Protein backbone atom coordinates (compact mmCIF):
# COMPACT_ATOMS: atom_id res chain seq x y z
CA MET A 1 -10.95 -14.38 8.84
CA THR A 2 -12.15 -16.96 6.23
CA PRO A 3 -11.17 -16.14 2.49
CA ALA A 4 -13.54 -15.35 1.24
CA ALA A 5 -14.19 -12.44 3.88
CA GLU A 6 -10.94 -12.15 3.56
CA PHE A 7 -11.22 -11.84 -0.38
CA HIS A 8 -13.94 -9.44 -0.20
CA SER A 9 -12.59 -7.82 2.11
CA ARG A 10 -9.97 -6.79 -0.06
CA ASN A 11 -11.34 -6.50 -3.76
CA VAL A 12 -14.54 -4.71 -3.26
CA ASP A 13 -15.22 -2.20 -6.24
CA GLY A 14 -12.01 -3.47 -7.32
CA GLY A 15 -9.76 -1.10 -4.51
CA GLU A 16 -7.90 -2.45 -1.52
CA TRP A 17 -9.62 -2.11 1.49
CA LEU A 18 -7.22 -1.01 4.52
CA THR A 19 -7.60 -0.98 8.53
CA VAL A 20 -6.30 1.57 10.50
CA ASP A 21 -3.65 -0.41 12.09
CA GLU A 22 -2.92 -1.46 8.33
CA VAL A 23 -2.80 2.67 7.57
CA CYS A 24 -0.66 3.16 11.03
CA ARG A 25 1.04 0.75 9.47
CA ILE A 26 2.33 1.70 6.19
CA VAL A 27 2.20 5.70 7.06
CA LYS A 28 4.16 4.95 10.18
CA ILE A 29 2.19 7.05 12.56
CA GLY A 30 0.10 6.27 16.33
CA ARG A 31 -3.17 4.56 16.15
CA ARG A 32 -4.07 8.13 18.62
CA THR A 33 -2.20 10.38 15.81
CA PHE A 34 -4.60 9.04 12.82
CA GLU A 35 -7.47 9.78 15.11
CA ARG A 36 -6.43 12.92 15.50
CA TYR A 37 -6.05 13.48 11.86
CA LEU A 38 -9.67 11.85 11.80
CA SER A 39 -10.88 15.14 13.95
CA ARG A 40 -9.18 17.96 13.06
CA GLY A 41 -10.82 16.54 9.08
CA THR A 42 -7.36 16.36 7.95
CA GLY A 43 -6.94 12.82 7.79
CA PRO A 44 -7.76 10.57 4.41
CA ARG A 45 -11.33 10.09 2.86
CA VAL A 46 -13.39 6.88 5.20
CA SER A 47 -15.69 4.47 4.94
CA ARG A 48 -17.13 2.51 8.16
CA VAL A 49 -18.37 -1.48 7.32
CA ALA A 50 -22.19 -1.41 7.24
CA GLY A 51 -22.80 2.28 8.45
CA ARG A 52 -21.58 2.11 12.50
CA GLY A 53 -18.98 -0.79 11.81
CA PRO A 54 -15.27 -0.08 11.78
CA ILE A 55 -13.44 2.18 9.74
CA ARG A 56 -11.79 1.22 6.33
CA ILE A 57 -9.78 3.14 3.98
CA ARG A 58 -9.77 2.68 0.52
CA ARG A 59 -5.92 1.95 -0.62
CA ASP A 60 -6.33 4.77 -3.87
CA TRP A 61 -7.86 7.14 -0.69
CA LEU A 62 -4.40 6.98 0.94
CA ASP A 63 -2.43 7.61 -1.84
CA GLU A 64 -4.76 10.92 -2.75
CA TRP A 65 -3.75 11.60 1.33
CA MET A 66 -0.32 10.77 1.39
CA GLU A 67 0.60 12.55 -1.91
CA GLY A 68 -1.02 15.21 -0.62
CA GLY A 69 2.26 16.20 1.60
CA ALA A 70 -0.80 15.74 4.79
CA ALA A 71 0.75 12.54 6.30
């Protein structure tokens, strides 16, 4: 990823955007566990890049989810 693309992915709308792998490392869960949370509707809010692209999670959404005791 170019430095400009990295900056853009981290700072859109003033918030940090995380990949699924980054979220799994922060929360210390496996990717399959994270996917299970999403499929059950108990995971954090997510957004897809360009509508159908890879999943991204805003850091503040992850923090809200973790504060709610879901992790």
